[in-house]
Amino acid sequence: MTDLLPAVAGPQDLHDLTDDQLQQVAQEVREHIIDTVGEIGGHFGANLGACEIAVALHSLLDSPRDKILWDVGHQAYPTRS
């Protein structure tokens, strides 16, 4: 299986992916967060729990024109990973 995350330069790149590909991107984002937090420290819970919803929202909305408001900052980490 080829990694998809390196080919995602912005939210618009998610619009044409299949559901299976979006699931794969969410898993790759999760793995990236685990690797990064494992190296430099930080919180896992809120950002790992938000991977699927971040990928889903960005695949459906026209972000950054459509604004996404997170209830805690850590939930936004998958958007910036």
PDB file of N, CA and C in Angstrom:
ATOM      1  N   MET A   1       0.844  -1.173   0.000  1.00  0.00           N
ATOM      2  CA  MET A   1       0.000   0.000   0.000  1.00  0.00           C
ATOM      3  C   MET A   1       0.893   1.241   0.000  1.00  0.00           C
ATOM      4  N   THR A   2       0.633   2.135  -0.908  1.00  0.00           N
ATOM      5  CA  THR A   2       1.396   3.365  -1.040  1.00  0.00           C
ATOM      6  C   THR A   2       0.868   4.414  -0.064  1.00  0.00           C
ATOM      7  N   ASP A   3       1.788   5.125   0.592  1.00  0.00           N
ATOM      8  CA  ASP A   3       1.384   6.213   1.480  1.00  0.00           C
ATOM      9  C   ASP A   3       0.730   7.323   0.670  1.00  0.00           C
ATOM     10  N   LEU A   4      -0.385   7.818   1.175  1.00  0.00           N
ATOM     11  CA  LEU A   4      -1.108   8.898   0.509  1.00  0.00           C
ATOM     12  C   LEU A   4      -0.777  10.270   1.080  1.00  0.00           C
ATOM     13  N   LEU A   5      -0.419  10.316   2.348  1.00  0.00           N
ATOM     14  CA  LEU A   5      -0.218  11.594   3.029  1.00  0.00           C
ATOM     15  C   LEU A   5       0.819  12.496   2.349  1.00  0.00           C
ATOM     16  N   PRO A   6       1.934  11.966   1.848  1.00  0.00           N
ATOM     17  CA  PRO A   6       2.906  12.851   1.188  1.00  0.00           C
ATOM     18  C   PRO A   6       2.338  13.600  -0.028  1.00  0.00           C
ATOM     19  N   ALA A   7       1.291  13.053  -0.637  1.00  0.00           N
ATOM     20  CA  ALA A   7       0.696  13.685  -1.812  1.00  0.00           C
ATOM     21  C   ALA A   7      -0.368  14.725  -1.447  1.00  0.00           C
ATOM     22  N   VAL A   8      -0.677  14.846  -0.145  1.00  0.00           N
ATOM     23  CA  VAL A   8      -1.685  15.802   0.296  1.00  0.00           C
ATOM     24  C   VAL A   8      -0.990  17.109   0.661  1.00  0.00           C
ATOM     25  N   ALA A   9      -1.115  18.091  -0.216  1.00  0.00           N
ATOM     26  CA  ALA A   9      -0.499  19.399   0.024  1.00  0.00           C
ATOM     27  C   ALA A   9      -1.459  20.358   0.709  1.00  0.00           C
ATOM     28  N   GLY A  10      -2.742  20.074   0.616  1.00  0.00           N
ATOM     29  CA  GLY A  10      -3.751  20.925   1.231  1.00  0.00           C
ATOM     30  C   GLY A  10      -5.089  20.224   1.238  1.00  0.00           C
ATOM     31  N   PRO A  11      -6.079  20.820   1.899  1.00  0.00           N
ATOM     32  CA  PRO A  11      -7.393  20.197   2.027  1.00  0.00           C
ATOM     33  C   PRO A  11      -8.047  19.839   0.693  1.00  0.00           C
ATOM     34  N   GLN A  12      -7.821  20.643  -0.322  1.00  0.00           N
ATOM     35  CA  GLN A  12      -8.431  20.386  -1.621  1.00  0.00           C
ATOM     36  C   GLN A  12      -7.995  19.045  -2.203  1.00  0.00           C
ATOM     37  N   ASP A  13      -6.832  18.544  -1.797  1.00  0.00           N
ATOM     38  CA  ASP A  13      -6.341  17.257  -2.301  1.00  0.00           C
ATOM     39  C   ASP A  13      -7.146  16.081  -1.765  1.00  0.00           C
ATOM     40  N   LEU A  14      -7.949  16.308  -0.752  1.00  0.00           N
ATOM     41  CA  LEU A  14      -8.772  15.237  -0.171  1.00  0.00           C
ATOM     42  C   LEU A  14     -10.106  15.080  -0.894  1.00  0.00           C
ATOM     43  N   HIS A  15     -10.513  16.075  -1.656  1.00  0.00           N
ATOM     44  CA  HIS A  15     -11.853  16.095  -2.246  1.00  0.00           C
ATOM     45  C   HIS A  15     -12.127  14.945  -3.203  1.00  0.00           C
ATOM     46  N   ASP A  16     -11.141  14.457  -3.901  1.00  0.00           N
ATOM     47  CA  ASP A  16     -11.369  13.417  -4.903  1.00  0.00           C
ATOM     48  C   ASP A  16     -10.991  12.018  -4.432  1.00  0.00           C
ATOM     49  N   LEU A  17     -10.654  11.870  -3.151  1.00  0.00           N
ATOM     50  CA  LEU A  17     -10.277  10.557  -2.644  1.00  0.00           C
ATOM     51  C   LEU A  17     -11.502   9.719  -2.307  1.00  0.00           C
ATOM     52  N   THR A  18     -11.359   8.420  -2.414  1.00  0.00           N
ATOM     53  CA  THR A  18     -12.439   7.498  -2.046  1.00  0.00           C
ATOM     54  C   THR A  18     -12.528   7.401  -0.527  1.00  0.00           C
ATOM     55  N   ASP A  19     -13.594   6.806  -0.037  1.00  0.00           N
ATOM     56  CA  ASP A  19     -13.740   6.610   1.408  1.00  0.00           C
ATOM     57  C   ASP A  19     -12.586   5.792   1.978  1.00  0.00           C
ATOM     58  N   ASP A  20     -12.176   4.746   1.266  1.00  0.00           N
ATOM     59  CA  ASP A  20     -11.053   3.920   1.731  1.00  0.00           C
ATOM     60  C   ASP A  20      -9.765   4.730   1.775  1.00  0.00           C
ATOM     61  N   GLN A  21      -9.544   5.568   0.787  1.00  0.00           N
ATOM     62  CA  GLN A  21      -8.343   6.409   0.769  1.00  0.00           C
ATOM     63  C   GLN A  21      -8.378   7.436   1.897  1.00  0.00           C
ATOM     64  N   LEU A  22      -9.550   8.006   2.177  1.00  0.00           N
ATOM     65  CA  LEU A  22      -9.672   8.956   3.281  1.00  0.00           C
ATOM     66  C   LEU A  22      -9.379   8.268   4.611  1.00  0.00           C
ATOM     67  N   GLN A  23      -9.850   7.047   4.762  1.00  0.00           N
ATOM     68  CA  GLN A  23      -9.539   6.278   5.969  1.00  0.00           C
ATOM     69  C   GLN A  23      -8.036   6.057   6.097  1.00  0.00           C
ATOM     70  N   GLN A  24      -7.392   5.761   4.981  1.00  0.00           N
ATOM     71  CA  GLN A  24      -5.946   5.558   4.988  1.00  0.00           C
ATOM     72  C   GLN A  24      -5.218   6.849   5.361  1.00  0.00           C
ATOM     73  N   VAL A  25      -5.659   7.971   4.832  1.00  0.00           N
ATOM     74  CA  VAL A  25      -5.037   9.256   5.168  1.00  0.00           C
ATOM     75  C   VAL A  25      -5.182   9.515   6.668  1.00  0.00           C
ATOM     76  N   ALA A  26      -6.365   9.267   7.227  1.00  0.00           N
ATOM     77  CA  ALA A  26      -6.577   9.468   8.666  1.00  0.00           C
ATOM     78  C   ALA A  26      -5.622   8.592   9.474  1.00  0.00           C
ATOM     79  N   GLN A  27      -5.421   7.354   9.049  1.00  0.00           N
ATOM     80  CA  GLN A  27      -4.494   6.464   9.755  1.00  0.00           C
ATOM     81  C   GLN A  27      -3.056   6.961   9.623  1.00  0.00           C
ATOM     82  N   GLU A  28      -2.689   7.449   8.459  1.00  0.00           N
ATOM     83  CA  GLU A  28      -1.340   7.980   8.266  1.00  0.00           C
ATOM     84  C   GLU A  28      -1.115   9.230   9.110  1.00  0.00           C
ATOM     85  N   VAL A  29      -2.133  10.076   9.235  1.00  0.00           N
ATOM     86  CA  VAL A  29      -2.031  11.263  10.098  1.00  0.00           C
ATOM     87  C   VAL A  29      -1.843  10.812  11.545  1.00  0.00           C
ATOM     88  N   ARG A  30      -2.629   9.825  11.969  1.00  0.00           N
ATOM     89  CA  ARG A  30      -2.513   9.299  13.332  1.00  0.00           C
ATOM     90  C   ARG A  30      -1.098   8.783  13.595  1.00  0.00           C
ATOM     91  N   GLU A  31      -0.553   8.016  12.667  1.00  0.00           N
ATOM     92  CA  GLU A  31       0.801   7.484  12.823  1.00  0.00           C
ATOM     93  C   GLU A  31       1.830   8.609  12.884  1.00  0.00           C
ATOM     94  N   HIS A  32       1.630   9.647  12.081  1.00  0.00           N
ATOM     95  CA  HIS A  32       2.545  10.794  12.092  1.00  0.00           C
ATOM     96  C   HIS A  32       2.509  11.493  13.453  1.00  0.00           C
ATOM     97  N   ILE A  33       1.317  11.660  14.003  1.00  0.00           N
ATOM     98  CA  ILE A  33       1.188  12.292  15.323  1.00  0.00           C
ATOM     99  C   ILE A  33       1.867  11.436  16.384  1.00  0.00           C
ATOM    100  N   ILE A  34       1.646  10.126  16.355  1.00  0.00           N
ATOM    101  CA  ILE A  34       2.268   9.222  17.333  1.00  0.00           C
ATOM    102  C   ILE A  34       3.778   9.312  17.240  1.00  0.00           C
ATOM    103  N   ASP A  35       4.316   9.287  16.034  1.00  0.00           N
ATOM    104  CA  ASP A  35       5.772   9.386  15.847  1.00  0.00           C
ATOM    105  C   ASP A  35       6.307  10.723  16.358  1.00  0.00           C
ATOM    106  N   THR A  36       5.617  11.806  16.025  1.00  0.00           N
ATOM    107  CA  THR A  36       6.071  13.143  16.420  1.00  0.00           C
ATOM    108  C   THR A  36       5.989  13.344  17.920  1.00  0.00           C
ATOM    109  N   VAL A  37       4.856  13.010  18.516  1.00  0.00           N
ATOM    110  CA  VAL A  37       4.688  13.182  19.960  1.00  0.00           C
ATOM    111  C   VAL A  37       5.624  12.234  20.715  1.00  0.00           C
ATOM    112  N   GLY A  38       5.870  11.063  20.150  1.00  0.00           N
ATOM    113  CA  GLY A  38       6.813  10.134  20.763  1.00  0.00           C
ATOM    114  C   GLY A  38       8.220  10.691  20.823  1.00  0.00           C
ATOM    115  N   GLU A  39       8.583  11.508  19.856  1.00  0.00           N
ATOM    116  CA  GLU A  39       9.911  12.121  19.818  1.00  0.00           C
ATOM    117  C   GLU A  39      10.018  13.361  20.697  1.00  0.00           C
ATOM    118  N   ILE A  40       9.020  14.248  20.623  1.00  0.00           N
ATOM    119  CA  ILE A  40       9.161  15.540  21.284  1.00  0.00           C
ATOM    120  C   ILE A  40       8.259  15.704  22.506  1.00  0.00           C
ATOM    121  N   GLY A  41       7.357  14.764  22.734  1.00  0.00           N
ATOM    122  CA  GLY A  41       6.446  14.844  23.873  1.00  0.00           C
ATOM    123  C   GLY A  41       5.197  15.625  23.528  1.00  0.00           C
ATOM    124  N   GLY A  42       4.183  15.483  24.367  1.00  0.00           N
ATOM    125  CA  GLY A  42       2.920  16.179  24.148  1.00  0.00           C
ATOM    126  C   GLY A  42       1.744  15.293  24.471  1.00  0.00           C
ATOM    127  N   HIS A  43       0.574  15.714  24.066  1.00  0.00           N
ATOM    128  CA  HIS A  43      -0.675  15.011  24.359  1.00  0.00           C
ATOM    129  C   HIS A  43      -1.117  14.191  23.151  1.00  0.00           C
ATOM    130  N   PHE A  44      -1.667  13.004  23.428  1.00  0.00           N
ATOM    131  CA  PHE A  44      -2.166  12.139  22.355  1.00  0.00           C
ATOM    132  C   PHE A  44      -3.678  12.177  22.194  1.00  0.00           C
ATOM    133  N   GLY A  45      -4.412  12.155  23.290  1.00  0.00           N
ATOM    134  CA  GLY A  45      -5.845  11.876  23.287  1.00  0.00           C
ATOM    135  C   GLY A  45      -6.687  12.686  22.324  1.00  0.00           C
ATOM    136  N   ALA A  46      -6.749  13.981  22.515  1.00  0.00           N
ATOM    137  CA  ALA A  46      -7.666  14.808  21.718  1.00  0.00           C
ATOM    138  C   ALA A  46      -7.291  14.811  20.236  1.00  0.00           C
ATOM    139  N   ASN A  47      -6.007  14.829  19.933  1.00  0.00           N
ATOM    140  CA  ASN A  47      -5.632  14.887  18.521  1.00  0.00           C
ATOM    141  C   ASN A  47      -5.811  13.544  17.825  1.00  0.00           C
ATOM    142  N   LEU A  48      -5.532  12.434  18.496  1.00  0.00           N
ATOM    143  CA  LEU A  48      -5.731  11.128  17.871  1.00  0.00           C
ATOM    144  C   LEU A  48      -7.209  10.857  17.653  1.00  0.00           C
ATOM    145  N   GLY A  49      -8.043  11.323  18.579  1.00  0.00           N
ATOM    146  CA  GLY A  49      -9.479  11.127  18.448  1.00  0.00           C
ATOM    147  C   GLY A  49     -10.112  11.981  17.370  1.00  0.00           C
ATOM    148  N   ALA A  50      -9.395  12.954  16.865  1.00  0.00           N
ATOM    149  CA  ALA A  50      -9.956  13.873  15.876  1.00  0.00           C
ATOM    150  C   ALA A  50      -9.458  13.614  14.448  1.00  0.00           C
ATOM    151  N   CYS A  51      -8.660  12.590  14.239  1.00  0.00           N
ATOM    152  CA  CYS A  51      -8.089  12.357  12.902  1.00  0.00           C
ATOM    153  C   CYS A  51      -9.163  12.129  11.843  1.00  0.00           C
ATOM    154  N   GLU A  52     -10.101  11.221  12.110  1.00  0.00           N
ATOM    155  CA  GLU A  52     -11.134  10.928  11.121  1.00  0.00           C
ATOM    156  C   GLU A  52     -12.020  12.135  10.847  1.00  0.00           C
ATOM    157  N   ILE A  53     -12.418  12.829  11.912  1.00  0.00           N
ATOM    158  CA  ILE A  53     -13.310  13.971  11.691  1.00  0.00           C
ATOM    159  C   ILE A  53     -12.584  15.105  10.970  1.00  0.00           C
ATOM    160  N   ALA A  54     -11.303  15.297  11.249  1.00  0.00           N
ATOM    161  CA  ALA A  54     -10.539  16.334  10.543  1.00  0.00           C
ATOM    162  C   ALA A  54     -10.447  16.011   9.059  1.00  0.00           C
ATOM    163  N   VAL A  55     -10.117  14.767   8.736  1.00  0.00           N
ATOM    164  CA  VAL A  55     -10.021  14.359   7.333  1.00  0.00           C
ATOM    165  C   VAL A  55     -11.391  14.470   6.662  1.00  0.00           C
ATOM    166  N   ALA A  56     -12.440  14.026   7.344  1.00  0.00           N
ATOM    167  CA  ALA A  56     -13.791  14.087   6.769  1.00  0.00           C
ATOM    168  C   ALA A  56     -14.214  15.531   6.505  1.00  0.00           C
ATOM    169  N   LEU A  57     -14.028  16.408   7.485  1.00  0.00           N
ATOM    170  CA  LEU A  57     -14.426  17.806   7.310  1.00  0.00           C
ATOM    171  C   LEU A  57     -13.674  18.464   6.157  1.00  0.00           C
ATOM    172  N   HIS A  58     -12.370  18.236   6.102  1.00  0.00           N
ATOM    173  CA  HIS A  58     -11.576  18.854   5.032  1.00  0.00           C
ATOM    174  C   HIS A  58     -11.901  18.261   3.658  1.00  0.00           C
ATOM    175  N   SER A  59     -12.373  17.009   3.631  1.00  0.00           N
ATOM    176  CA  SER A  59     -12.726  16.400   2.348  1.00  0.00           C
ATOM    177  C   SER A  59     -14.074  16.900   1.837  1.00  0.00           C
ATOM    178  N   LEU A  60     -14.925  17.391   2.742  1.00  0.00           N
ATOM    179  CA  LEU A  60     -16.267  17.834   2.364  1.00  0.00           C
ATOM    180  C   LEU A  60     -16.408  19.346   2.252  1.00  0.00           C
ATOM    181  N   LEU A  61     -15.666  20.077   3.080  1.00  0.00           N
ATOM    182  CA  LEU A  61     -15.766  21.531   3.102  1.00  0.00           C
ATOM    183  C   LEU A  61     -14.727  22.160   2.177  1.00  0.00           C
ATOM    184  N   ASP A  62     -14.885  23.429   1.942  1.00  0.00           N
ATOM    185  CA  ASP A  62     -13.920  24.184   1.141  1.00  0.00           C
ATOM    186  C   ASP A  62     -13.035  24.984   2.096  1.00  0.00           C
ATOM    187  N   SER A  63     -12.238  24.244   2.873  1.00  0.00           N
ATOM    188  CA  SER A  63     -11.351  24.935   3.816  1.00  0.00           C
ATOM    189  C   SER A  63     -10.093  25.371   3.062  1.00  0.00           C
ATOM    190  N   PRO A  64      -9.512  26.466   3.430  1.00  0.00           N
ATOM    191  CA  PRO A  64      -9.768  27.282   4.613  1.00  0.00           C
ATOM    192  C   PRO A  64     -10.871  28.331   4.437  1.00  0.00           C
ATOM    193  N   ARG A  65     -11.517  28.406   3.273  1.00  0.00           N
ATOM    194  CA  ARG A  65     -12.609  29.379   3.118  1.00  0.00           C
ATOM    195  C   ARG A  65     -13.730  29.054   4.105  1.00  0.00           C
ATOM    196  N   ASP A  66     -14.146  27.796   4.169  1.00  0.00           N
ATOM    197  CA  ASP A  66     -15.107  27.359   5.180  1.00  0.00           C
ATOM    198  C   ASP A  66     -14.329  27.149   6.476  1.00  0.00           C
ATOM    199  N   LYS A  67     -14.705  27.832   7.494  1.00  0.00           N
ATOM    200  CA  LYS A  67     -13.981  27.776   8.770  1.00  0.00           C
ATOM    201  C   LYS A  67     -14.417  26.566   9.590  1.00  0.00           C
ATOM    202  N   ILE A  68     -13.451  25.955  10.266  1.00  0.00           N
ATOM    203  CA  ILE A  68     -13.701  24.850  11.187  1.00  0.00           C
ATOM    204  C   ILE A  68     -13.276  25.326  12.560  1.00  0.00           C
ATOM    205  N   LEU A  69     -14.166  25.228  13.505  1.00  0.00           N
ATOM    206  CA  LEU A  69     -13.894  25.681  14.867  1.00  0.00           C
ATOM    207  C   LEU A  69     -13.820  24.454  15.775  1.00  0.00           C
ATOM    208  N   TRP A  70     -12.660  24.245  16.397  1.00  0.00           N
ATOM    209  CA  TRP A  70     -12.450  23.109  17.289  1.00  0.00           C
ATOM    210  C   TRP A  70     -12.694  23.553  18.724  1.00  0.00           C
ATOM    211  N   ASP A  71     -13.158  22.640  19.579  1.00  0.00           N
ATOM    212  CA  ASP A  71     -13.431  23.045  20.954  1.00  0.00           C
ATOM    213  C   ASP A  71     -12.175  23.055  21.827  1.00  0.00           C
ATOM    214  N   VAL A  72     -11.145  22.343  21.448  1.00  0.00           N
ATOM    215  CA  VAL A  72      -9.845  22.444  22.123  1.00  0.00           C
ATOM    216  C   VAL A  72      -8.760  22.449  21.063  1.00  0.00           C
ATOM    217  N   GLY A  73      -7.690  23.161  21.331  1.00  0.00           N
ATOM    218  CA  GLY A  73      -6.612  23.300  20.351  1.00  0.00           C
ATOM    219  C   GLY A  73      -5.989  21.988  19.900  1.00  0.00           C
ATOM    220  N   HIS A  74      -5.895  21.016  20.808  1.00  0.00           N
ATOM    221  CA  HIS A  74      -5.263  19.746  20.443  1.00  0.00           C
ATOM    222  C   HIS A  74      -6.027  19.015  19.342  1.00  0.00           C
ATOM    223  N   GLN A  75      -7.326  19.272  19.214  1.00  0.00           N
ATOM    224  CA  GLN A  75      -8.100  18.628  18.157  1.00  0.00           C
ATOM    225  C   GLN A  75      -7.710  19.146  16.779  1.00  0.00           C
ATOM    226  N   ALA A  76      -7.098  20.295  16.733  1.00  0.00           N
ATOM    227  CA  ALA A  76      -6.686  20.857  15.444  1.00  0.00           C
ATOM    228  C   ALA A  76      -5.358  20.299  14.964  1.00  0.00           C
ATOM    229  N   TYR A  77      -4.629  19.559  15.790  1.00  0.00           N
ATOM    230  CA  TYR A  77      -3.323  19.034  15.378  1.00  0.00           C
ATOM    231  C   TYR A  77      -3.378  18.199  14.092  1.00  0.00           C
ATOM    232  N   PRO A  78      -4.381  17.338  13.887  1.00  0.00           N
ATOM    233  CA  PRO A  78      -4.398  16.584  12.628  1.00  0.00           C
ATOM    234  C   PRO A  78      -4.482  17.485  11.398  1.00  0.00           C
ATOM    235  N   THR A  79      -5.026  18.674  11.546  1.00  0.00           N
ATOM    236  CA  THR A  79      -5.121  19.606  10.436  1.00  0.00           C
ATOM    237  C   THR A  79      -3.746  20.155  10.088  1.00  0.00           C
ATOM    238  N   ARG A  80      -2.887  20.269  11.058  1.00  0.00           N
ATOM    239  CA  ARG A  80      -1.556  20.863  10.865  1.00  0.00           C
ATOM    240  C   ARG A  80      -0.452  19.826  10.691  1.00  0.00           C
ATOM    241  N   SER A  81      -0.773  18.534  10.822  1.00  0.00           N
ATOM    242  CA  SER A  81       0.273  17.494  10.772  1.00  0.00           C
ATOM    243  C   SER A  81       0.900  17.374   9.422  1.00  0.00           C
TER     244      SER A  81
END
